């Protein structure tokens, strides 16, 4: 199994937040391939630059230390994004949804809106 991290789940992991539930923690331990999309890294950078998130100075080195695999923005994802109905307005989430659907991977997220697109999620909060 492969698991793509939504930005909220990634931040909870990085800060060992109590909001990250036991089921999510078990899924992280049991999943051999954990993906972090550059879309999430872009979202963190944008939100940091406008003051909505604190700086994460060790973000990239921590991702490597945790063994997470970075995945980029591919033309296939953009093509899928163009076909998505507008059920959710968050552009970062919509890109992650397109990526998950294209690659047929589950997403670790607390955002139930992903399921409206047919994405299989692992609830990050449970």
Protein backbone atom coordinates (compact mmCIF):
# COMPACT_ATOMS: atom_id res chain seq x y z
CA UNK A 1 0.00 0.00 0.00
CA UNK A 2 1.01 3.59 -0.66
CA UNK A 3 -0.19 6.52 1.40
CA UNK A 4 -0.18 10.16 0.25
CA UNK A 5 -0.10 12.70 3.08
CA UNK A 6 -2.45 15.65 3.05
CA UNK A 7 -0.84 18.82 4.34
CA UNK A 8 -2.74 18.74 7.64
CA UNK A 9 -1.55 15.19 8.34
CA UNK A 10 2.02 16.08 7.37
CA UNK A 11 2.08 18.98 9.82
CA UNK A 12 0.60 16.83 12.59
CA UNK A 13 3.28 14.20 11.97
CA UNK A 14 6.07 16.79 12.01
CA UNK A 15 4.88 18.19 15.35
CA UNK A 16 3.79 14.86 16.86
CA UNK A 17 0.40 16.46 17.37
CA UNK A 18 -2.15 14.73 19.58
CA UNK A 19 -4.65 15.49 16.78
CA UNK A 20 -3.04 12.63 14.82
CA UNK A 21 -5.15 9.65 15.81
CA UNK A 22 -4.11 6.13 16.73
CA UNK A 23 -5.45 4.63 13.49
CA UNK A 24 -3.42 7.15 11.49
CA UNK A 25 -0.28 6.40 13.50
CA UNK A 26 -0.76 2.67 12.91
CA UNK A 27 -1.24 3.25 9.18
CA UNK A 28 2.02 5.21 9.07
CA UNK A 29 3.88 2.36 10.75
CA UNK A 30 2.27 -0.31 8.56
CA UNK A 31 2.62 1.44 5.20
CA UNK A 32 5.87 0.82 3.36
CA UNK A 33 5.60 3.80 1.01
CA UNK A 34 4.65 7.26 2.31
CA UNK A 35 4.39 10.05 -0.23
CA UNK A 36 4.68 13.78 0.39
CA UNK A 37 3.57 15.81 -2.56
CA UNK A 38 5.41 18.95 -3.53
CA UNK A 39 1.91 20.41 -3.59
CA UNK A 40 1.87 20.15 0.22
CA UNK A 41 5.34 21.67 0.42
CA UNK A 42 4.12 24.54 -1.75
CA UNK A 43 1.09 25.01 0.50
CA UNK A 44 3.30 25.14 3.58
CA UNK A 45 5.63 27.67 1.91
CA UNK A 46 2.73 29.89 0.83
CA UNK A 47 1.07 29.79 4.25
CA UNK A 48 4.40 30.46 5.97
CA UNK A 49 5.07 33.46 3.74
CA UNK A 50 1.72 35.07 4.61
CA UNK A 51 2.03 34.33 8.34
CA UNK A 52 -0.57 31.55 8.61
CA UNK A 53 2.05 28.95 9.58
CA UNK A 54 5.34 29.20 11.46
CA UNK A 55 8.54 28.48 9.55
CA UNK A 56 9.61 24.84 9.35
CA UNK A 57 13.40 25.19 9.05
CA UNK A 58 14.08 21.44 9.16
CA UNK A 59 11.15 20.41 6.98
CA UNK A 60 13.06 18.89 4.08
CA UNK A 61 15.71 17.16 6.17
CA UNK A 62 13.02 15.75 8.48
CA UNK A 63 11.13 14.32 5.49
CA UNK A 64 14.32 12.55 4.39
CA UNK A 65 15.00 11.29 7.93
CA UNK A 66 11.47 9.86 8.14
CA UNK A 67 11.96 8.08 4.82
CA UNK A 68 9.08 9.87 3.13
CA UNK A 69 9.19 9.97 -0.65
CA UNK A 70 8.67 13.31 -2.38
CA UNK A 71 6.47 13.33 -5.43
CA UNK A 72 6.21 16.20 -7.89
CA UNK A 73 3.61 17.98 -9.92
CA UNK A 74 3.14 15.91 -13.07
CA UNK A 75 1.25 16.70 -16.28
CA UNK A 76 -0.97 13.69 -15.56
CA UNK A 77 -2.17 15.33 -12.36
CA UNK A 78 -2.90 18.60 -14.11
CA UNK A 79 -4.91 16.80 -16.78
CA UNK A 80 -6.91 15.01 -14.08
CA UNK A 81 -7.42 18.28 -12.21
CA UNK A 82 -9.00 19.83 -15.31
CA UNK A 83 -11.58 17.02 -15.31
CA UNK A 84 -12.53 17.23 -11.63
CA UNK A 85 -15.93 18.64 -10.75
CA UNK A 86 -15.77 21.60 -8.40
CA UNK A 87 -16.95 19.96 -5.19
CA UNK A 88 -14.21 21.53 -3.08
CA UNK A 89 -12.65 24.96 -3.57
CA UNK A 90 -9.22 24.49 -1.94
CA UNK A 91 -6.75 24.44 -4.86
CA UNK A 92 -4.09 22.53 -2.90
CA UNK A 93 -6.56 19.83 -1.89
CA UNK A 94 -7.89 19.60 -5.45
CA UNK A 95 -4.35 18.98 -6.72
CA UNK A 96 -3.78 16.30 -4.07
CA UNK A 97 -7.11 14.73 -5.02
CA UNK A 98 -6.10 14.66 -8.69
CA UNK A 99 -2.79 13.07 -7.72
CA UNK A 100 -4.44 10.44 -5.52
CA UNK A 101 -6.97 9.52 -8.19
CA UNK A 102 -4.35 9.37 -10.94
CA UNK A 103 -1.97 7.20 -8.93
CA UNK A 104 -4.74 5.24 -7.17
CA UNK A 105 -3.34 5.86 -3.69
CA UNK A 106 -4.99 6.42 -0.33
CA UNK A 107 -4.69 9.79 1.39
CA UNK A 108 -4.02 10.34 5.07
CA UNK A 109 -6.20 13.36 5.84
CA UNK A 110 -8.70 14.79 8.28
CA UNK A 111 -10.60 16.35 5.38
CA UNK A 112 -13.66 14.27 4.48
CA UNK A 113 -14.11 16.30 1.26
CA UNK A 114 -11.61 13.97 -0.43
CA UNK A 115 -14.17 11.17 -0.30
CA UNK A 116 -16.62 13.20 -2.39
CA UNK A 117 -14.23 12.63 -5.29
CA UNK A 118 -13.95 8.90 -4.70
CA UNK A 119 -10.56 9.10 -2.98
CA UNK A 120 -10.00 6.44 -0.33
CA UNK A 121 -8.83 8.10 2.86
CA UNK A 122 -7.31 7.04 6.13
CA UNK A 123 -8.72 9.44 8.69
CA UNK A 124 -5.81 11.32 10.22
CA UNK A 125 -7.84 12.24 13.27
CA UNK A 126 -8.83 8.74 14.34
